[in-house]
Every structure is written in C-alpha cells, then in structure tokens.
Amino acid sequence: MSDFICERLLLTNDDGIDAPGLSTLARVARTLAKEVWVVAPSGDRSGTSQSLSLHHPVRFWQKGDRQYSIEGTPADCVVLAIRHLMLSTPPDFILSGINRGANLGNETVFSGTVGAAMTGILLGFRSVALSQHFTSAENVRWDTAEKASERVLRQVLAKPWKTQTCLNINFPDTAPDEIKGIMTTTQGRGNLTGTGVTIRQDPRSVPYAWLTLERSAQTEPPDTENAAVRSGHISVTPLHFDRTDHDFS
C-alpha cells in the first residue's frame, strides 16, 4: 500500500536551486507524491517577496527530469511552472522552501519563500511555505527540517483548506526529537524592527549601498509563530492577501 498522499507536487524556494533546504524538501516530497517537480531560481533571491520580472525576459533551463532553473524570482518560478511547464499536469500543492532561516511576523512581507506561496494562491493553488529557524548560521538543523517537514506536511496536506489561504510553517532550532508539537499560530510582529543602509565607495570612488534587515528579539503572546518557534514548537500560520485594518476609522 502506497504512502503517497497526492499525485503531484511543485517545489520552489528563494535560496536557489542548489540550496540544501530545497534538496531536503525534495527528499521529503518524494515520500508524499508520485511526481515531484522542481522549478526554482538559479541563485539566491531572498527578500524578493512576490515581485515579478515584468521588464525583461525570464530565461530558464532544464536541469533534469522535471527540474528547471529559472533566471528570475520565486514568484516568476511559480508563474512559469503553472502557466507553462506544468500547464497540462498541474500540481496538487505548491511547496516553497525549506528556507535557511525563519520567516516570522512582519518579515513575511519581504520573504521570497512566502511570496512564492502567496503567488500560488493567487493562481488558485493551495500552497505552503516552510522555513528552518537557526540561532547559528554555521549550524542549521537540516535534520530537524527534514523530519519535521514530513511530519507536518502529512497532516496539513490531508486537510481541506481554502485556496485563498497559504500556510506559513516554521521549524524550531531544536533537535528533531525535542520538538514539542505543532501549533496553529497567528502571525504576530516577529523580530524585524526595521531596515538599514550602509554606503560605501567602489575602487573608482563611485558610491554604492548595502541594504540590511534589522532584527531584535521580541516578547510576544504564546499563540504567535515567533513565540511558538522559540518555545520548541512547529508553527503553522494561515495567511491571506487581505491586510485591511478593520479597526481604522
């Protein structure tokens, strides 16, 4: 008896097609679906949100069986996959990740990982963004990401949910057997406090700028994804497009 829970999955990310998080997710996906497609950026496209390449052609190359490298953003990858590469064989779900680093709170606005998933729901597909939190960049727990992603995906993909909602899933920076459980969470504020810029000059004295994200640890209610991940839980946050402040008057 097969353990597959769907026919076909589309995988993408924002760290690039050669990123360890994507290969981790691909291994998990092959235990979940009969057919796995990978359509991902040729390099790191972190921070691109849902941006589309509207002012230049988007070039793409086939790298293997159902595997394509795209010279564009994560959102470009989803559009190209759905509207061209997989037009006759659409996926049951779109999975984006596994991102190197958490996507929590306000930071999801900038995230290419979440942006790809949001583009998926724009096109009418149930989509999931997955990210692995770390406290040391030299020690990202890909073993946790692999085991936790199979665990949570087997649960959430089996449940019906609206195609107008994507799921933002974050894994804690703990050993796999130390995960406390799965929590359905709210977005909360997260750790992003602002953006910074550093101005420098190149060898020809022409100025250039490096943009940075500024973060600091925040204390938030226990039902937020930030608090859940820091307490050792897998957070699952349902997201949609409506950002209306309904209390405004």
C-alpha atoms as a PDB file:
ATOM      1  CA  MET A   1       0.000   0.000   0.000  1.00  0.00           C
ATOM      2  CA  SER A   2       1.394   3.402  -1.048  1.00  0.00           C
ATOM      3  CA  ASP A   3       2.099   6.149   1.469  1.00  0.00           C
ATOM      4  CA  PHE A   4       1.628   8.851  -1.171  1.00  0.00           C
ATOM      5  CA  ILE A   5      -0.942  11.458  -0.193  1.00  0.00           C
ATOM      6  CA  CYS A   6      -1.182  13.264  -3.545  1.00  0.00           C
ATOM      7  CA  GLU A   7      -0.382  12.839  -7.201  1.00  0.00           C
ATOM      8  CA  ARG A   8       1.895  15.795  -7.924  1.00  0.00           C
ATOM      9  CA  LEU A   9       3.860  18.485  -6.054  1.00  0.00           C
ATOM     10  CA  LEU A  10       5.581  21.644  -7.292  1.00  0.00           C
ATOM     11  CA  LEU A  11       8.641  22.758  -5.307  1.00  0.00           C
ATOM     12  CA  THR A  12      10.339  26.144  -5.376  1.00  0.00           C
ATOM     13  CA  ASN A  13      12.313  28.388  -2.997  1.00  0.00           C
ATOM     14  CA  ASP A  14      14.151  31.705  -2.725  1.00  0.00           C
ATOM     15  CA  ASP A  15      17.601  30.422  -1.707  1.00  0.00           C
ATOM     16  CA  GLY A  16      18.285  28.998  -5.167  1.00  0.00           C
ATOM     17  CA  ILE A  17      18.036  25.665  -6.917  1.00  0.00           C
ATOM     18  CA  ASP A  18      21.260  24.331  -5.346  1.00  0.00           C
ATOM     19  CA  ALA A  19      20.298  25.266  -1.761  1.00  0.00           C
ATOM     20  CA  PRO A  20      20.347  22.499   0.871  1.00  0.00           C
ATOM     21  CA  GLY A  21      16.844  23.362   2.035  1.00  0.00           C
ATOM     22  CA  LEU A  22      15.397  22.644  -1.397  1.00  0.00           C
ATOM     23  CA  SER A  23      17.146  19.282  -1.682  1.00  0.00           C
ATOM     24  CA  THR A  24      15.883  18.468   1.824  1.00  0.00           C
ATOM     25  CA  LEU A  25      12.329  19.320   0.810  1.00  0.00           C
ATOM     26  CA  ALA A  26      12.658  17.308  -2.406  1.00  0.00           C
ATOM     27  CA  ARG A  27      13.576  14.179  -0.457  1.00  0.00           C
ATOM     28  CA  VAL A  28      10.510  14.626   1.724  1.00  0.00           C
ATOM     29  CA  ALA A  29       8.262  15.433  -1.242  1.00  0.00           C
ATOM     30  CA  ARG A  30       9.184  12.174  -2.957  1.00  0.00           C
ATOM     31  CA  THR A  31       7.701  10.299   0.004  1.00  0.00           C
ATOM     32  CA  LEU A  32       4.464  12.287  -0.299  1.00  0.00           C
ATOM     33  CA  ALA A  33       3.723  12.419  -4.028  1.00  0.00           C
ATOM     34  CA  LYS A  34       4.062  10.174  -7.044  1.00  0.00           C
ATOM     35  CA  GLU A  35       5.519  13.039  -9.072  1.00  0.00           C
ATOM     36  CA  VAL A  36       7.718  15.931  -7.904  1.00  0.00           C
ATOM     37  CA  TRP A  37       8.581  18.996  -9.997  1.00  0.00           C
ATOM     38  CA  VAL A  38      11.309  21.477  -9.008  1.00  0.00           C
ATOM     39  CA  VAL A  39      11.150  24.946 -10.561  1.00  0.00           C
ATOM     40  CA  ALA A  40      13.477  27.253  -8.637  1.00  0.00           C
ATOM     41  CA  PRO A  41      15.632  30.364  -9.066  1.00  0.00           C
ATOM     42  CA  SER A  42      19.129  29.930 -10.473  1.00  0.00           C
ATOM     43  CA  GLY A  43      20.575  31.753  -7.437  1.00  0.00           C
ATOM     44  CA  ASP A  44      19.664  33.389  -4.146  1.00  0.00           C
ATOM     45  CA  ARG A  45      16.569  35.588  -4.468  1.00  0.00           C
ATOM     46  CA  SER A  46      15.924  36.238  -0.769  1.00  0.00           C
ATOM     47  CA  GLY A  47      13.903  39.351   0.033  1.00  0.00           C
ATOM     48  CA  THR A  48      12.117  39.495  -3.316  1.00  0.00           C
ATOM     49  CA  SER A  49       8.634  38.935  -1.845  1.00  0.00           C
ATOM     50  CA  GLN A  50       6.111  38.443  -4.691  1.00  0.00           C
ATOM     51  CA  SER A  51       7.999  40.505  -7.249  1.00  0.00           C
ATOM     52  CA  LEU A  52       7.574  39.557 -10.913  1.00  0.00           C
ATOM     53  CA  SER A  53      10.087  40.180 -13.701  1.00  0.00           C
ATOM     54  CA  LEU A  54       7.989  42.382 -15.966  1.00  0.00           C
ATOM     55  CA  HIS A  55      10.735  44.437 -17.629  1.00  0.00           C
ATOM     56  CA  HIS A  56      12.992  41.752 -19.086  1.00  0.00           C
ATOM     57  CA  PRO A  57      12.637  38.188 -20.374  1.00  0.00           C
ATOM     58  CA  VAL A  58      12.752  35.334 -17.883  1.00  0.00           C
ATOM     59  CA  ARG A  59      15.203  32.695 -19.101  1.00  0.00           C
ATOM     60  CA  PHE A  60      15.001  29.096 -17.945  1.00  0.00           C
ATOM     61  CA  TRP A  61      16.893  25.840 -18.383  1.00  0.00           C
ATOM     62  CA  GLN A  62      16.009  22.214 -17.784  1.00  0.00           C
ATOM     63  CA  LYS A  63      18.470  20.634 -15.346  1.00  0.00           C
ATOM     64  CA  GLY A  64      16.956  17.184 -15.036  1.00  0.00           C
ATOM     65  CA  ASP A  65      13.739  15.230 -15.114  1.00  0.00           C
ATOM     66  CA  ARG A  66      11.009  17.705 -14.039  1.00  0.00           C
ATOM     67  CA  GLN A  67      13.710  20.077 -12.754  1.00  0.00           C
ATOM     68  CA  TYR A  68      14.129  23.633 -14.052  1.00  0.00           C
ATOM     69  CA  SER A  69      16.397  26.545 -13.173  1.00  0.00           C
ATOM     70  CA  ILE A  70      14.852  29.993 -13.634  1.00  0.00           C
ATOM     71  CA  GLU A  71      16.718  33.283 -14.054  1.00  0.00           C
ATOM     72  CA  GLY A  72      14.091  35.104 -12.028  1.00  0.00           C
ATOM     73  CA  THR A  73      12.261  35.460  -8.732  1.00  0.00           C
ATOM     74  CA  PRO A  74      10.396  32.794  -6.744  1.00  0.00           C
ATOM     75  CA  ALA A  75       7.121  34.271  -7.984  1.00  0.00           C
ATOM     76  CA  ASP A  76       8.408  34.029 -11.565  1.00  0.00           C
ATOM     77  CA  CYS A  77       9.101  30.346 -10.923  1.00  0.00           C
ATOM     78  CA  VAL A  78       5.553  29.669  -9.779  1.00  0.00           C
ATOM     79  CA  VAL A  79       4.016  31.539 -12.724  1.00  0.00           C
ATOM     80  CA  LEU A  80       6.267  29.836 -15.274  1.00  0.00           C
ATOM     81  CA  ALA A  81       5.559  26.415 -13.774  1.00  0.00           C
ATOM     82  CA  ILE A  82       1.780  26.833 -13.578  1.00  0.00           C
ATOM     83  CA  ARG A  83       1.240  28.726 -16.826  1.00  0.00           C
ATOM     84  CA  HIS A  84       3.740  26.838 -18.989  1.00  0.00           C
ATOM     85  CA  LEU A  85       5.858  23.955 -17.705  1.00  0.00           C
ATOM     86  CA  MET A  86       3.032  22.178 -15.852  1.00  0.00           C
ATOM     87  CA  LEU A  87       0.117  23.554 -17.827  1.00  0.00           C
ATOM     88  CA  SER A  88      -1.226  20.108 -18.765  1.00  0.00           C
ATOM     89  CA  THR A  89      -0.268  18.470 -15.463  1.00  0.00           C
ATOM     90  CA  PRO A  90      -0.956  20.984 -12.652  1.00  0.00           C
ATOM     91  CA  PRO A  91       0.235  20.249  -9.107  1.00  0.00           C
ATOM     92  CA  ASP A  92      -1.989  19.334  -6.207  1.00  0.00           C
ATOM     93  CA  PHE A  93       0.053  21.618  -3.927  1.00  0.00           C
ATOM     94  CA  ILE A  94       2.912  24.110  -4.155  1.00  0.00           C
ATOM     95  CA  LEU A  95       5.684  23.840  -1.546  1.00  0.00           C
ATOM     96  CA  SER A  96       8.170  26.693  -1.100  1.00  0.00           C
ATOM     97  CA  GLY A  97      11.381  26.198   0.910  1.00  0.00           C
ATOM     98  CA  ILE A  98      12.814  24.941   3.051  1.00  0.00           C
ATOM     99  CA  ASN A  99      14.199  28.403   3.763  1.00  0.00           C
ATOM    100  CA  ARG A 100      17.519  28.860   5.556  1.00  0.00           C
ATOM    101  CA  GLY A 101      16.207  30.942   8.451  1.00  0.00           C
ATOM    102  CA  ALA A 102      12.781  31.579   9.915  1.00  0.00           C
ATOM    103  CA  ASN A 103      10.103  33.715   8.277  1.00  0.00           C
ATOM    104  CA  LEU A 104       8.210  35.176  11.209  1.00  0.00           C
ATOM    105  CA  GLY A 105       5.853  38.105  11.675  1.00  0.00           C
ATOM    106  CA  ASN A 106       6.437  41.238   9.603  1.00  0.00           C
ATOM    107  CA  GLU A 107       9.360  39.608   7.829  1.00  0.00           C
ATOM    108  CA  THR A 108       6.936  37.523   5.775  1.00  0.00           C
ATOM    109  CA  VAL A 109       6.157  40.685   3.772  1.00  0.00           C
ATOM    110  CA  PHE A 110       9.700  40.626   2.327  1.00  0.00           C
ATOM    111  CA  SER A 111      10.171  36.865   2.150  1.00  0.00           C
ATOM    112  CA  GLY A 112      10.568  35.303  -1.286  1.00  0.00           C
ATOM    113  CA  THR A 113       9.722  31.956   0.288  1.00  0.00           C
ATOM    114  CA  VAL A 114       6.344  33.220   1.466  1.00  0.00           C
ATOM    115  CA  GLY A 115       5.996  35.301  -1.714  1.00  0.00           C
ATOM    116  CA  ALA A 116       6.136  32.159  -3.848  1.00  0.00           C
ATOM    117  CA  ALA A 117       3.405  30.554  -1.746  1.00  0.00           C
ATOM    118  CA  MET A 118       1.261  33.687  -1.955  1.00  0.00           C
ATOM    119  CA  THR A 119       1.691  33.700  -5.738  1.00  0.00           C
ATOM    120  CA  GLY A 120       0.478  30.120  -5.699  1.00  0.00           C
ATOM    121  CA  ILE A 121      -2.780  31.033  -4.015  1.00  0.00           C
ATOM    122  CA  LEU A 122      -3.179  33.970  -6.409  1.00  0.00           C
ATOM    123  CA  LEU A 123      -3.223  31.364  -9.185  1.00  0.00           C
ATOM    124  CA  GLY A 124      -5.686  29.189  -7.279  1.00  0.00           C
ATOM    125  CA  PHE A 125      -3.398  26.537  -5.759  1.00  0.00           C
ATOM    126  CA  ARG A 126      -3.065  25.504  -2.140  1.00  0.00           C
ATOM    127  CA  SER A 127       0.451  26.471  -1.127  1.00  0.00           C
ATOM    128  CA  VAL A 128       2.819  26.040   1.804  1.00  0.00           C
ATOM    129  CA  ALA A 129       5.944  27.990   2.791  1.00  0.00           C
ATOM    130  CA  LEU A 130       8.462  26.184   5.015  1.00  0.00           C
ATOM    131  CA  SER A 131      11.407  27.662   6.935  1.00  0.00           C
ATOM    132  CA  GLN A 132      14.020  26.417   9.388  1.00  0.00           C
ATOM    133  CA  HIS A 133      14.862  28.740  12.266  1.00  0.00           C
ATOM    134  CA  PHE A 134      18.512  28.915  13.352  1.00  0.00           C
ATOM    135  CA  THR A 135      20.491  30.694  16.026  1.00  0.00           C
ATOM    136  CA  SER A 136      23.869  29.871  14.460  1.00  0.00           C
ATOM    137  CA  ALA A 137      24.339  30.296  10.709  1.00  0.00           C
ATOM    138  CA  GLU A 138      27.016  27.594  10.823  1.00  0.00           C
ATOM    139  CA  ASN A 139      24.646  25.060  12.384  1.00  0.00           C
ATOM    140  CA  VAL A 140      21.339  24.998  10.526  1.00  0.00           C
ATOM    141  CA  ARG A 141      19.405  21.919  11.616  1.00  0.00           C
ATOM    142  CA  TRP A 142      18.534  20.369   8.261  1.00  0.00           C
ATOM    143  CA  ASP A 143      17.912  17.047  10.014  1.00  0.00           C
ATOM    144  CA  THR A 144      15.172  18.755  12.018  1.00  0.00           C
ATOM    145  CA  ALA A 145      13.783  20.377   8.876  1.00  0.00           C
ATOM    146  CA  GLU A 146      13.601  17.044   7.069  1.00  0.00           C
ATOM    147  CA  LYS A 147      11.880  15.093   9.810  1.00  0.00           C
ATOM    148  CA  ALA A 148       9.606  17.936  10.879  1.00  0.00           C
ATOM    149  CA  SER A 149       8.526  18.800   7.346  1.00  0.00           C
ATOM    150  CA  GLU A 150       7.402  15.248   6.594  1.00  0.00           C
ATOM    151  CA  ARG A 151       5.556  15.143   9.909  1.00  0.00           C
ATOM    152  CA  VAL A 152       3.672  18.394   9.454  1.00  0.00           C
ATOM    153  CA  LEU A 153       3.067  18.069   5.702  1.00  0.00           C
ATOM    154  CA  ARG A 154       1.426  14.682   6.129  1.00  0.00           C
ATOM    155  CA  GLN A 155      -1.003  16.370   8.483  1.00  0.00           C
ATOM    156  CA  VAL A 156      -1.758  19.632   6.703  1.00  0.00           C
ATOM    157  CA  LEU A 157      -1.894  18.307   3.141  1.00  0.00           C
ATOM    158  CA  ALA A 158      -4.510  15.778   4.208  1.00  0.00           C
ATOM    159  CA  LYS A 159      -6.799  18.548   5.465  1.00  0.00           C
ATOM    160  CA  PRO A 160      -9.054  20.660   3.266  1.00  0.00           C
ATOM    161  CA  TRP A 161      -8.384  24.380   3.350  1.00  0.00           C
ATOM    162  CA  LYS A 162      -9.307  27.325   1.161  1.00  0.00           C
ATOM    163  CA  THR A 163      -7.212  28.011  -1.929  1.00  0.00           C
ATOM    164  CA  GLN A 164      -7.256  31.698  -0.892  1.00  0.00           C
ATOM    165  CA  THR A 165      -5.073  30.801   2.125  1.00  0.00           C
ATOM    166  CA  CYS A 166      -1.455  29.660   2.238  1.00  0.00           C
ATOM    167  CA  LEU A 167       0.291  28.117   5.223  1.00  0.00           C
ATOM    168  CA  ASN A 168       3.497  29.599   6.634  1.00  0.00           C
ATOM    169  CA  ILE A 169       5.329  26.863   8.556  1.00  0.00           C
ATOM    170  CA  ASN A 170       8.431  27.424  10.702  1.00  0.00           C
ATOM    171  CA  PHE A 171      10.544  24.763  12.410  1.00  0.00           C
ATOM    172  CA  PRO A 172      12.303  25.386  15.748  1.00  0.00           C
ATOM    173  CA  ASP A 173      16.063  25.350  16.265  1.00  0.00           C
ATOM    174  CA  THR A 174      15.990  22.117  18.256  1.00  0.00           C
ATOM    175  CA  ALA A 175      16.960  18.511  17.709  1.00  0.00           C
ATOM    176  CA  PRO A 176      14.232  16.519  15.898  1.00  0.00           C
ATOM    177  CA  ASP A 177      13.265  14.540  18.997  1.00  0.00           C
ATOM    178  CA  GLU A 178      12.991  17.734  21.077  1.00  0.00           C
ATOM    179  CA  ILE A 179      10.159  19.292  19.060  1.00  0.00           C
ATOM    180  CA  LYS A 180       7.227  19.826  21.414  1.00  0.00           C
ATOM    181  CA  GLY A 181       4.437  19.645  18.862  1.00  0.00           C
ATOM    182  CA  ILE A 182       2.573  21.505  16.145  1.00  0.00           C
ATOM    183  CA  MET A 183       0.762  24.770  16.881  1.00  0.00           C
ATOM    184  CA  THR A 184      -1.654  26.725  14.709  1.00  0.00           C
ATOM    185  CA  THR A 185      -0.458  30.277  15.261  1.00  0.00           C
ATOM    186  CA  THR A 186      -1.078  33.928  14.458  1.00  0.00           C
ATOM    187  CA  GLN A 187       1.448  35.982  12.538  1.00  0.00           C
ATOM    188  CA  GLY A 188       2.376  38.421  15.283  1.00  0.00           C
ATOM    189  CA  ARG A 189       5.069  41.054  14.890  1.00  0.00           C
ATOM    190  CA  GLY A 190       8.190  38.900  14.711  1.00  0.00           C
ATOM    191  CA  ASN A 191      11.752  40.093  15.198  1.00  0.00           C
ATOM    192  CA  LEU A 192      12.064  42.501  12.269  1.00  0.00           C
ATOM    193  CA  THR A 193      12.370  46.050  13.612  1.00  0.00           C
ATOM    194  CA  GLY A 194      13.446  47.962  10.514  1.00  0.00           C
ATOM    195  CA  THR A 195      15.835  48.247   7.620  1.00  0.00           C
ATOM    196  CA  GLY A 196      19.265  49.787   7.419  1.00  0.00           C
ATOM    197  CA  VAL A 197      21.618  51.000   4.720  1.00  0.00           C
ATOM    198  CA  THR A 198      25.419  51.157   4.575  1.00  0.00           C
ATOM    199  CA  ILE A 199      27.009  53.466   1.994  1.00  0.00           C
ATOM    200  CA  ARG A 200      30.437  52.604   0.600  1.00  0.00           C
ATOM    201  CA  GLN A 201      32.603  53.503  -2.386  1.00  0.00           C
ATOM    202  CA  ASP A 202      33.989  51.216  -5.039  1.00  0.00           C
ATOM    203  CA  PRO A 203      37.649  51.457  -6.223  1.00  0.00           C
ATOM    204  CA  ARG A 204      36.604  54.194  -8.676  1.00  0.00           C
ATOM    205  CA  SER A 205      35.077  56.275  -5.864  1.00  0.00           C
ATOM    206  CA  VAL A 206      31.522  55.596  -7.056  1.00  0.00           C
ATOM    207  CA  PRO A 207      29.146  55.205  -4.087  1.00  0.00           C
ATOM    208  CA  TYR A 208      27.020  52.111  -3.600  1.00  0.00           C
ATOM    209  CA  ALA A 209      24.678  50.890  -0.872  1.00  0.00           C
ATOM    210  CA  TRP A 210      24.133  47.651   1.048  1.00  0.00           C
ATOM    211  CA  LEU A 211      20.626  47.241   2.434  1.00  0.00           C
ATOM    212  CA  THR A 212      20.164  45.219   5.622  1.00  0.00           C
ATOM    213  CA  LEU A 213      17.329  43.946   7.776  1.00  0.00           C
ATOM    214  CA  GLU A 214      17.432  44.926  11.442  1.00  0.00           C
ATOM    215  CA  ARG A 215      16.204  42.408  13.989  1.00  0.00           C
ATOM    216  CA  SER A 216      15.947  42.117  17.748  1.00  0.00           C
ATOM    217  CA  ALA A 217      14.284  39.532  19.975  1.00  0.00           C
ATOM    218  CA  GLN A 218      10.682  40.417  20.832  1.00  0.00           C
ATOM    219  CA  THR A 219       8.353  39.151  23.540  1.00  0.00           C
ATOM    220  CA  GLU A 220       5.019  38.148  22.032  1.00  0.00           C
ATOM    221  CA  PRO A 221       1.862  36.288  23.093  1.00  0.00           C
ATOM    222  CA  PRO A 222       2.222  32.490  23.164  1.00  0.00           C
ATOM    223  CA  ASP A 223      -0.138  31.996  20.216  1.00  0.00           C
ATOM    224  CA  THR A 224       2.165  33.859  17.802  1.00  0.00           C
ATOM    225  CA  GLU A 225       4.508  31.998  15.467  1.00  0.00           C
ATOM    226  CA  ASN A 226       7.577  33.718  16.934  1.00  0.00           C
ATOM    227  CA  ALA A 227       6.739  32.583  20.472  1.00  0.00           C
ATOM    228  CA  ALA A 228       5.785  29.097  19.316  1.00  0.00           C
ATOM    229  CA  VAL A 229       9.036  28.506  17.424  1.00  0.00           C
ATOM    230  CA  ARG A 230      11.161  29.850  20.271  1.00  0.00           C
ATOM    231  CA  SER A 231       9.383  27.508  22.680  1.00  0.00           C
ATOM    232  CA  GLY A 232      10.278  24.495  20.538  1.00  0.00           C
ATOM    233  CA  HIS A 233       7.053  24.083  18.536  1.00  0.00           C
ATOM    234  CA  ILE A 234       6.377  23.872  14.818  1.00  0.00           C
ATOM    235  CA  SER A 235       4.271  26.908  13.940  1.00  0.00           C
ATOM    236  CA  VAL A 236       1.597  26.804  11.228  1.00  0.00           C
ATOM    237  CA  THR A 237       0.162  30.213  10.340  1.00  0.00           C
ATOM    238  CA  PRO A 238      -2.626  30.612   7.748  1.00  0.00           C
ATOM    239  CA  LEU A 239      -2.019  33.723   5.618  1.00  0.00           C
ATOM    240  CA  HIS A 240      -4.084  35.553   3.007  1.00  0.00           C
ATOM    241  CA  PHE A 241      -3.900  38.753   0.960  1.00  0.00           C
ATOM    242  CA  ASP A 242      -6.268  40.989   2.959  1.00  0.00           C
ATOM    243  CA  ARG A 243      -4.185  43.463   5.005  1.00  0.00           C
ATOM    244  CA  THR A 244      -7.109  45.744   5.806  1.00  0.00           C
ATOM    245  CA  ASP A 245      -7.056  47.353   9.234  1.00  0.00           C
ATOM    246  CA  HIS A 246     -10.707  46.789  10.115  1.00  0.00           C
ATOM    247  CA  ASP A 247     -10.404  48.919  13.269  1.00  0.00           C
ATOM    248  CA  PHE A 248      -9.450  52.045  11.316  1.00  0.00           C
ATOM    249  CA  SER A 249     -11.917  54.916  11.487  1.00  0.00           C
END
